[in-house]
Amino acid sequence: SSSSGLLCLGDNEVKIAQGFYAADSTLSVFRCFGDPLVGDGSRCLEGYPGSNCAAGLSGISCSQCMLNTKRHTDGTCIPCGTKTLTTAMLICGCIALVTVLVLIYIAIDRHGSSQTSHSVMLCGLAF
C-alpha cells in the first residue's frame, strides 16, 4: 500500500510510492519529510529503489544535492560556481585597481617636481 511507501505490482516487482525513498532492493523505506511539493515538483518520486529521487537529488529522502550542485531558494539544485566566479572576478578587479593606483602614485612621487598633492591626484584618477 502507498501508506507504507511500497507499491506491489505483482510478479515480485515493487515500486516506491511518491513521497517515500528506498536506497536499494533491501526495501528500507523512508518517508520524505519536509518535502514541500507534491506531484511533479516532489523530491521523492514514484519509482524503483535507488532511482526515485527528482533530478539532481540523492541521499536518504532525496535531501542532498548531487556533486557540484547546491540548494537554490526554490528547493531545486543548481550548479555551483556561478556566484563564486562572479565574486572572484570582483576581488581580482579590486586588486588590479589598487595595483594601478599604487603604480600611479609611485610614478607621481618619483617626479618630485609636481606641485599637485598626491592625494588630490589619486582622487582625480579614481573618479
Protein backbone atom coordinates (compact mmCIF):
# COMPACT_ATOMS: atom_id res chain seq x y z
CA SER A 1 0.00 0.00 0.00
CA SER A 2 1.12 3.56 -0.58
CA SER A 3 0.90 4.34 3.17
CA SER A 4 3.88 2.00 3.71
CA GLY A 5 5.70 3.60 0.80
CA LEU A 6 5.62 0.37 -1.23
CA LEU A 7 3.60 -0.30 -4.35
CA CYS A 8 3.29 -4.03 -5.05
CA LEU A 9 2.96 -4.54 -8.80
CA GLY A 10 2.91 -8.34 -8.78
CA ASP A 11 5.45 -10.84 -10.08
CA ASN A 12 7.80 -9.85 -7.23
CA GLU A 13 8.01 -6.31 -8.60
CA VAL A 14 7.91 -3.47 -6.10
CA LYS A 15 8.00 0.27 -6.65
CA ILE A 16 8.47 3.06 -4.15
CA ALA A 17 5.49 5.40 -3.77
CA GLN A 18 5.78 9.15 -4.27
CA GLY A 19 6.79 10.83 -1.02
CA PHE A 20 8.99 7.89 0.02
CA TYR A 21 12.58 6.79 -0.65
CA ALA A 22 14.44 3.48 -0.65
CA ALA A 23 18.17 3.26 -1.40
CA ASP A 24 18.25 -0.30 -2.67
CA SER A 25 16.39 -3.57 -3.01
CA THR A 26 16.53 -4.28 0.76
CA LEU A 27 13.47 -2.01 0.82
CA SER A 28 14.32 0.03 3.89
CA VAL A 29 11.77 2.73 3.09
CA PHE A 30 11.98 6.30 4.38
CA ARG A 31 9.27 8.95 4.25
CA CYS A 32 10.44 12.18 2.61
CA PHE A 33 9.55 14.51 5.49
CA GLY A 34 9.70 18.20 4.74
CA ASP A 35 9.04 17.67 1.04
CA PRO A 36 7.05 20.86 0.42
CA LEU A 37 5.95 19.98 -3.07
CA VAL A 38 3.79 17.20 -4.43
CA GLY A 39 3.31 15.93 -7.95
CA ASP A 40 5.94 16.88 -10.49
CA GLY A 41 7.82 19.10 -8.01
CA SER A 42 8.30 16.44 -5.35
CA ARG A 43 11.80 15.39 -4.23
CA CYS A 44 10.81 11.75 -3.89
CA LEU A 45 9.05 10.45 -6.98
CA GLU A 46 7.33 7.15 -7.62
CA GLY A 47 9.93 4.75 -8.95
CA TYR A 48 12.25 1.87 -8.30
CA PRO A 49 14.51 1.67 -5.22
CA GLY A 50 17.62 3.81 -5.60
CA SER A 51 16.27 5.75 -8.56
CA ASN A 52 13.21 7.61 -7.34
CA CYS A 53 14.81 10.96 -6.49
CA ALA A 54 13.94 14.00 -8.58
CA ALA A 55 16.64 15.21 -10.99
CA GLY A 56 19.77 16.49 -9.25
CA LEU A 57 18.92 14.98 -5.84
CA SER A 58 20.35 11.99 -3.97
CA GLY A 59 20.72 10.55 -0.47
CA ILE A 60 18.22 9.40 2.11
CA SER A 61 14.87 11.08 1.45
CA CYS A 62 16.39 12.68 -1.67
CA SER A 63 17.56 15.50 0.58
CA GLN A 64 21.06 16.14 -0.81
CA CYS A 65 22.13 17.90 -3.95
CA MET A 66 24.40 15.95 -6.29
CA LEU A 67 28.14 16.67 -6.52
CA ASN A 68 28.98 20.19 -7.79
CA THR A 69 25.47 21.49 -7.18
CA LYS A 70 23.90 23.44 -4.33
CA ARG A 71 20.41 24.03 -2.98
CA HIS A 72 18.62 27.00 -4.53
CA THR A 73 15.95 29.01 -2.68
CA ASP A 74 13.18 27.24 -4.63
CA GLY A 75 14.37 23.83 -3.38
CA THR A 76 15.99 22.72 -6.63
CA CYS A 77 19.70 22.07 -7.08
CA ILE A 78 21.72 24.39 -9.27
CA PRO A 79 25.35 24.18 -10.46
CA CYS A 80 27.97 25.58 -8.08
CA GLY A 81 30.40 28.26 -9.12
CA THR A 82 28.19 30.89 -10.70
CA LYS A 83 28.24 33.22 -7.71
CA THR A 84 31.76 32.15 -6.72
CA LEU A 85 33.13 33.07 -10.15
CA THR A 86 31.49 36.49 -10.00
CA THR A 87 32.92 37.11 -6.53
CA ALA A 88 36.40 36.05 -7.66
CA MET A 89 36.21 38.38 -10.65
CA LEU A 90 35.16 41.27 -8.38
CA ILE A 91 38.05 40.62 -5.99
CA CYS A 92 40.56 40.41 -8.87
CA GLY A 93 39.20 43.66 -10.30
CA CYS A 94 39.62 45.43 -6.95
CA ILE A 95 43.19 44.13 -6.60
CA ALA A 96 44.00 45.30 -10.14
CA LEU A 97 42.55 48.76 -9.44
CA VAL A 98 44.58 49.14 -6.23
CA THR A 99 47.73 47.98 -8.05
CA VAL A 100 47.22 50.55 -10.81
CA LEU A 101 46.64 53.33 -8.27
CA VAL A 102 49.79 52.37 -6.35
CA LEU A 103 51.83 52.37 -9.57
CA ILE A 104 50.46 55.81 -10.50
CA TYR A 105 51.31 57.09 -7.01
CA ILE A 106 54.88 55.78 -7.34
CA ALA A 107 55.23 57.39 -10.79
CA ILE A 108 54.00 60.74 -9.49
CA ASP A 109 56.20 60.53 -6.40
CA ARG A 110 59.35 59.92 -8.50
CA HIS A 111 58.85 63.13 -10.46
CA GLY A 112 59.09 65.14 -7.24
CA SER A 113 58.68 68.43 -9.09
CA SER A 114 54.91 68.13 -9.20
CA GLN A 115 53.21 70.79 -7.11
CA THR A 116 49.90 68.89 -7.03
CA SER A 117 49.07 67.00 -3.88
CA HIS A 118 49.33 63.24 -4.34
CA SER A 119 46.02 62.58 -2.66
CA VAL A 120 44.23 65.08 -4.91
CA MET A 121 45.80 63.49 -7.98
CA LEU A 122 44.80 59.97 -6.90
CA CYS A 123 41.24 61.05 -6.17
CA GLY A 124 41.06 62.66 -9.59
CA LEU A 125 42.30 59.47 -11.25
CA ALA A 126 39.97 57.23 -9.25
CA PHE A 127 36.88 59.12 -10.34
